[in-house]
Each structure stands twice: as structure tokens, then as C-alpha cells.
Amino acid sequence: MKSINHQNEYVPLRINLSLRRDTLRLLSEMANDMGISIDEVLSFLTEDSVIDLEIDEDLKGVDIPNKCSFDELKKIIERRKQP
């Protein structure tokens, strides 16, 4: 996975993951089928999962609470649905 944009160079990141055996087996099969390592499969999956999440809006006025009840969360979501 090479980036055309040099500001988006890939940075090695060491992490520990806890996966179910079935999940690891599937990742291993994917890597084997694609002829790449499990690390590369995880890198592709991670990149693909966040590729469209670039933040376009200004978040300076947004407060993020430390905790929120389920009812509060439902109210917030309903307010955002309204135009």
C-alpha cells in the first residue's frame, strides 16, 4: 500500500490484538489467498474502514461528554435528524 501523497506515509505501528480463533483463521486464509502477510491484510482492512471518515466539518464548538445515558444519546440522535 503505497501512498501518492507523501504527507500520508505509512507509519509502522506495533499493536496487540485479541481475536477469536475463527477470526484469526479467516484473516490467515485471506492473507494466504492474497499472497500477503496477516499484517498487510489488517493494514488494508483498517485503511478501508476509515477512508471515508475524513472530518469536513469544524468541531471547535462541539462538546463531547465523559458519559451519556442511552436516553440522552437517543435524544441527541433525534435532534440531529431534524433539519
N, C-alpha and C. Protein backbone atom coordinates (compact mmCIF):
# COMPACT_ATOMS: atom_id res chain seq x y z
N MET A 1 0.84 -1.18 0.00
CA MET A 1 0.00 0.00 0.00
C MET A 1 0.88 1.24 0.00
N LYS A 2 1.14 1.80 -1.14
CA LYS A 2 1.97 2.98 -1.26
C LYS A 2 1.08 4.20 -1.47
N SER A 3 1.40 5.24 -0.78
CA SER A 3 0.62 6.46 -0.88
C SER A 3 1.24 7.40 -1.90
N ILE A 4 0.40 8.03 -2.72
CA ILE A 4 0.88 9.04 -3.67
C ILE A 4 1.21 10.32 -2.91
N ASN A 5 0.44 10.62 -1.88
CA ASN A 5 0.65 11.80 -1.06
C ASN A 5 1.73 11.49 -0.02
N HIS A 6 2.88 12.15 -0.13
CA HIS A 6 4.00 11.87 0.77
C HIS A 6 3.71 12.28 2.21
N GLN A 7 2.72 13.14 2.43
CA GLN A 7 2.35 13.50 3.80
C GLN A 7 1.61 12.35 4.48
N ASN A 8 1.12 11.42 3.69
CA ASN A 8 0.38 10.27 4.23
C ASN A 8 1.23 9.01 4.22
N GLU A 9 2.52 9.15 4.48
CA GLU A 9 3.39 7.99 4.50
C GLU A 9 2.93 7.03 5.58
N TYR A 10 3.13 5.77 5.33
CA TYR A 10 2.72 4.75 6.30
C TYR A 10 3.69 4.72 7.48
N VAL A 11 3.14 4.63 8.65
CA VAL A 11 3.91 4.63 9.88
C VAL A 11 3.76 3.25 10.51
N PRO A 12 4.87 2.57 10.78
CA PRO A 12 4.76 1.26 11.44
C PRO A 12 4.16 1.43 12.83
N LEU A 13 3.25 0.55 13.18
CA LEU A 13 2.56 0.63 14.46
C LEU A 13 2.49 -0.77 15.05
N ARG A 14 3.10 -0.95 16.19
CA ARG A 14 3.05 -2.24 16.87
C ARG A 14 1.84 -2.25 17.80
N ILE A 15 0.98 -3.25 17.61
CA ILE A 15 -0.20 -3.36 18.45
C ILE A 15 -0.39 -4.82 18.86
N ASN A 16 -1.12 -5.01 19.93
CA ASN A 16 -1.53 -6.35 20.35
C ASN A 16 -3.03 -6.46 20.15
N LEU A 17 -3.45 -7.50 19.49
CA LEU A 17 -4.87 -7.72 19.23
C LEU A 17 -5.31 -9.01 19.90
N SER A 18 -6.52 -9.00 20.39
CA SER A 18 -7.14 -10.23 20.88
C SER A 18 -8.25 -10.58 19.90
N LEU A 19 -8.09 -11.70 19.23
CA LEU A 19 -9.06 -12.12 18.23
C LEU A 19 -9.57 -13.51 18.55
N ARG A 20 -10.79 -13.78 18.12
CA ARG A 20 -11.29 -15.14 18.24
C ARG A 20 -10.52 -16.02 17.25
N ARG A 21 -10.46 -17.29 17.56
CA ARG A 21 -9.74 -18.23 16.68
C ARG A 21 -10.32 -18.23 15.27
N ASP A 22 -11.64 -18.17 15.16
CA ASP A 22 -12.28 -18.15 13.84
C ASP A 22 -11.87 -16.91 13.05
N THR A 23 -11.80 -15.78 13.73
CA THR A 23 -11.40 -14.54 13.07
C THR A 23 -9.96 -14.64 12.58
N LEU A 24 -9.09 -15.14 13.42
CA LEU A 24 -7.70 -15.30 13.02
C LEU A 24 -7.56 -16.27 11.86
N ARG A 25 -8.35 -17.34 11.88
CA ARG A 25 -8.31 -18.30 10.78
C ARG A 25 -8.73 -17.64 9.48
N LEU A 26 -9.80 -16.84 9.52
CA LEU A 26 -10.26 -16.15 8.31
C LEU A 26 -9.21 -15.15 7.80
N LEU A 27 -8.60 -14.41 8.72
CA LEU A 27 -7.56 -13.46 8.31
C LEU A 27 -6.37 -14.19 7.69
N SER A 28 -6.02 -15.31 8.29
CA SER A 28 -4.92 -16.11 7.76
C SER A 28 -5.25 -16.64 6.36
N GLU A 29 -6.48 -17.10 6.17
CA GLU A 29 -6.89 -17.59 4.84
C GLU A 29 -6.87 -16.45 3.82
N MET A 30 -7.34 -15.26 4.24
CA MET A 30 -7.32 -14.11 3.34
C MET A 30 -5.89 -13.78 2.93
N ALA A 31 -5.01 -13.74 3.92
CA ALA A 31 -3.61 -13.42 3.64
C ALA A 31 -3.00 -14.45 2.69
N ASN A 32 -3.28 -15.70 2.96
CA ASN A 32 -2.74 -16.78 2.13
C ASN A 32 -3.27 -16.67 0.69
N ASP A 33 -4.58 -16.44 0.55
CA ASP A 33 -5.18 -16.31 -0.78
C ASP A 33 -4.62 -15.12 -1.56
N MET A 34 -4.31 -14.03 -0.84
CA MET A 34 -3.81 -12.82 -1.48
C MET A 34 -2.29 -12.83 -1.62
N GLY A 35 -1.63 -13.80 -0.99
CA GLY A 35 -0.18 -13.87 -1.07
C GLY A 35 0.52 -12.78 -0.28
N ILE A 36 -0.11 -12.34 0.82
CA ILE A 36 0.49 -11.29 1.66
C ILE A 36 0.44 -11.73 3.11
N SER A 37 1.02 -10.93 3.99
CA SER A 37 1.05 -11.26 5.41
C SER A 37 -0.27 -10.84 6.10
N ILE A 38 -0.49 -11.40 7.27
CA ILE A 38 -1.67 -11.00 8.06
C ILE A 38 -1.56 -9.52 8.41
N ASP A 39 -0.36 -9.02 8.69
CA ASP A 39 -0.17 -7.59 8.98
C ASP A 39 -0.67 -6.73 7.82
N GLU A 40 -0.36 -7.16 6.60
CA GLU A 40 -0.82 -6.39 5.44
C GLU A 40 -2.33 -6.46 5.28
N VAL A 41 -2.92 -7.61 5.54
CA VAL A 41 -4.39 -7.73 5.49
C VAL A 41 -5.01 -6.78 6.50
N LEU A 42 -4.50 -6.77 7.73
CA LEU A 42 -5.04 -5.88 8.75
C LEU A 42 -4.85 -4.41 8.37
N SER A 43 -3.72 -4.11 7.74
CA SER A 43 -3.48 -2.74 7.30
C SER A 43 -4.49 -2.32 6.23
N PHE A 44 -4.72 -3.20 5.24
CA PHE A 44 -5.71 -2.91 4.20
C PHE A 44 -7.10 -2.73 4.80
N LEU A 45 -7.49 -3.64 5.70
CA LEU A 45 -8.82 -3.56 6.30
C LEU A 45 -8.99 -2.28 7.13
N THR A 46 -7.95 -1.91 7.85
CA THR A 46 -8.00 -0.69 8.65
C THR A 46 -8.12 0.54 7.77
N GLU A 47 -7.29 0.61 6.75
CA GLU A 47 -7.35 1.75 5.84
C GLU A 47 -8.72 1.86 5.16
N ASP A 48 -9.23 0.74 4.69
CA ASP A 48 -10.52 0.74 4.01
C ASP A 48 -11.66 1.14 4.93
N SER A 49 -11.55 0.79 6.20
CA SER A 49 -12.65 1.07 7.12
C SER A 49 -12.73 2.55 7.51
N VAL A 50 -11.64 3.29 7.37
CA VAL A 50 -11.66 4.70 7.77
C VAL A 50 -11.47 5.67 6.62
N ILE A 51 -11.36 5.17 5.41
CA ILE A 51 -11.03 6.02 4.26
C ILE A 51 -12.03 7.16 4.06
N ASP A 52 -13.29 6.93 4.36
CA ASP A 52 -14.32 7.95 4.13
C ASP A 52 -14.65 8.75 5.39
N LEU A 53 -13.85 8.63 6.42
CA LEU A 53 -14.17 9.29 7.68
C LEU A 53 -13.46 10.62 7.88
N GLU A 54 -12.90 11.19 6.83
CA GLU A 54 -12.25 12.48 6.99
C GLU A 54 -13.28 13.49 7.47
N ILE A 55 -12.89 14.28 8.42
CA ILE A 55 -13.81 15.26 9.01
C ILE A 55 -13.82 16.52 8.16
N ASP A 56 -14.98 16.84 7.63
CA ASP A 56 -15.12 18.03 6.81
C ASP A 56 -15.68 19.21 7.59
N GLU A 57 -16.27 18.92 8.75
CA GLU A 57 -16.92 19.99 9.49
C GLU A 57 -16.01 20.50 10.60
N ASP A 58 -16.24 21.72 11.01
CA ASP A 58 -15.48 22.32 12.09
C ASP A 58 -16.04 21.83 13.43
N LEU A 59 -15.19 21.25 14.25
CA LEU A 59 -15.64 20.67 15.52
C LEU A 59 -15.28 21.52 16.73
N LYS A 60 -14.92 22.79 16.52
CA LYS A 60 -14.48 23.63 17.64
C LYS A 60 -15.57 23.85 18.68
N GLY A 61 -16.81 23.95 18.28
CA GLY A 61 -17.89 24.20 19.23
C GLY A 61 -18.57 22.95 19.74
N VAL A 62 -18.03 21.79 19.45
CA VAL A 62 -18.66 20.53 19.83
C VAL A 62 -18.13 20.08 21.19
N ASP A 63 -19.06 19.82 22.12
CA ASP A 63 -18.69 19.28 23.43
C ASP A 63 -18.91 17.78 23.40
N ILE A 64 -17.90 17.04 23.86
CA ILE A 64 -18.01 15.58 23.93
C ILE A 64 -18.06 15.21 25.41
N PRO A 65 -19.21 14.69 25.88
CA PRO A 65 -19.33 14.37 27.31
C PRO A 65 -18.50 13.15 27.69
N ASN A 66 -18.16 13.08 28.99
CA ASN A 66 -17.43 11.92 29.50
C ASN A 66 -18.31 10.69 29.55
N LYS A 67 -19.60 10.91 29.75
CA LYS A 67 -20.54 9.79 29.76
C LYS A 67 -21.90 10.31 29.30
N CYS A 68 -22.73 9.38 28.88
CA CYS A 68 -24.03 9.74 28.33
C CYS A 68 -24.96 8.55 28.51
N SER A 69 -26.17 8.80 29.00
CA SER A 69 -27.12 7.71 29.15
C SER A 69 -27.70 7.33 27.79
N PHE A 70 -28.29 6.18 27.73
CA PHE A 70 -28.90 5.72 26.49
C PHE A 70 -29.99 6.69 26.04
N ASP A 71 -30.81 7.15 26.98
CA ASP A 71 -31.89 8.09 26.64
C ASP A 71 -31.34 9.41 26.12
N GLU A 72 -30.28 9.91 26.76
CA GLU A 72 -29.66 11.15 26.29
C GLU A 72 -29.13 10.99 24.87
N LEU A 73 -28.50 9.83 24.62
CA LEU A 73 -27.97 9.56 23.28
C LEU A 73 -29.08 9.53 22.24
N LYS A 74 -30.20 8.88 22.58
CA LYS A 74 -31.35 8.83 21.65
C LYS A 74 -31.86 10.24 21.36
N LYS A 75 -31.94 11.09 22.36
CA LYS A 75 -32.42 12.47 22.16
C LYS A 75 -31.48 13.25 21.24
N ILE A 76 -30.18 13.08 21.45
CA ILE A 76 -29.20 13.77 20.61
C ILE A 76 -29.31 13.33 19.16
N ILE A 77 -29.46 12.04 18.96
CA ILE A 77 -29.58 11.50 17.59
C ILE A 77 -30.86 12.00 16.95
N GLU A 78 -31.95 12.03 17.67
CA GLU A 78 -33.21 12.55 17.13
C GLU A 78 -33.10 14.02 16.75
N ARG A 79 -32.42 14.82 17.59
CA ARG A 79 -32.25 16.25 17.27
C ARG A 79 -31.43 16.43 16.00
N ARG A 80 -30.42 15.58 15.80
CA ARG A 80 -29.58 15.71 14.60
C ARG A 80 -30.34 15.32 13.34
N LYS A 81 -31.35 14.45 13.47
CA LYS A 81 -32.13 14.04 12.30
C LYS A 81 -33.04 15.15 11.82
N GLN A 82 -33.42 16.05 12.73
CA GLN A 82 -34.32 17.14 12.37
C GLN A 82 -33.56 18.21 11.60
N PRO A 83 -34.17 18.75 10.53
CA PRO A 83 -33.50 19.79 9.73
C PRO A 83 -33.38 21.11 10.45
